[in-house]
Amino acid sequence: MIEHYFQCPHCWEDQLQMIDPSINNQSFIEDCKICCNPLEFELSIADNSLQSFSVMPIDQ
């Protein structure tokens, strides 16, 4: 697993996202662990290394 810290675009709290490096291109939705608002993640992995990471708020 790859550890990556990011800031929630809803509550601005720093938090940790664990990433499975076995999938090269990933897109998924998860709730913020602090404020519970939905977040959309998009990332890419190459050679077990995080190449790009973005997190976007989903308005409710």
Protein backbone atom coordinates (compact mmCIF):
# COMPACT_ATOMS: atom_id res chain seq x y z
CA MET A 1 0.00 0.00 0.00
CA ILE A 2 1.07 3.57 -0.70
CA GLU A 3 0.41 6.28 1.90
CA HIS A 4 -0.56 9.70 0.56
CA TYR A 5 -1.60 12.74 2.57
CA PHE A 6 -4.08 15.23 1.13
CA GLN A 7 -6.25 18.11 2.27
CA CYS A 8 -10.03 17.71 2.13
CA PRO A 9 -11.52 20.39 -0.16
CA HIS A 10 -14.61 20.56 2.09
CA CYS A 11 -13.17 20.90 5.61
CA TRP A 12 -9.48 21.59 4.77
CA GLU A 13 -8.26 18.95 7.21
CA ASP A 14 -5.14 16.95 6.33
CA GLN A 15 -5.69 13.21 6.18
CA LEU A 16 -4.16 9.98 4.97
CA GLN A 17 -5.35 7.99 1.95
CA MET A 18 -4.11 4.43 1.54
CA ILE A 19 -3.65 3.51 -2.15
CA ASP A 20 -3.48 0.04 -3.69
CA PRO A 21 -0.56 0.15 -6.17
CA SER A 22 -1.74 -2.95 -8.07
CA ILE A 23 -4.22 -0.86 -10.14
CA ASN A 24 -2.55 1.67 -12.47
CA ASN A 25 -5.45 4.10 -13.07
CA GLN A 26 -8.01 4.60 -10.35
CA SER A 27 -11.14 6.68 -9.93
CA PHE A 28 -13.35 6.30 -6.87
CA ILE A 29 -15.63 8.16 -4.47
CA GLU A 30 -15.21 8.10 -0.69
CA ASP A 31 -16.53 10.20 2.15
CA CYS A 32 -14.12 12.43 4.04
CA LYS A 33 -13.15 10.69 7.29
CA ILE A 34 -13.56 13.95 9.21
CA CYS A 35 -16.51 15.90 7.75
CA CYS A 36 -18.23 12.98 5.93
CA ASN A 37 -18.70 14.93 2.69
CA PRO A 38 -18.17 13.01 -0.56
CA LEU A 39 -14.87 13.24 -2.42
CA GLU A 40 -13.92 12.05 -5.89
CA PHE A 41 -10.39 10.68 -6.22
CA GLU A 42 -8.47 10.21 -9.48
CA LEU A 43 -4.94 8.85 -9.49
CA SER A 44 -2.39 6.96 -11.51
CA ILE A 45 0.34 4.55 -10.48
CA ALA A 46 3.47 3.48 -12.38
CA ASP A 47 6.23 1.19 -11.10
CA ASN A 48 4.61 1.08 -7.63
CA SER A 49 4.91 4.87 -7.42
CA LEU A 50 2.15 7.48 -7.32
CA GLN A 51 2.36 9.55 -10.53
CA SER A 52 -0.70 11.78 -10.13
CA PHE A 53 -3.30 12.34 -7.43
CA SER A 54 -6.32 14.63 -7.38
CA VAL A 55 -9.24 14.95 -5.03
CA MET A 56 -12.34 16.97 -5.91
CA PRO A 57 -15.35 17.88 -3.79
CA ILE A 58 -18.74 16.54 -4.77
CA ASP A 59 -21.47 19.03 -3.96
CA GLN A 60 -24.50 17.68 -2.20
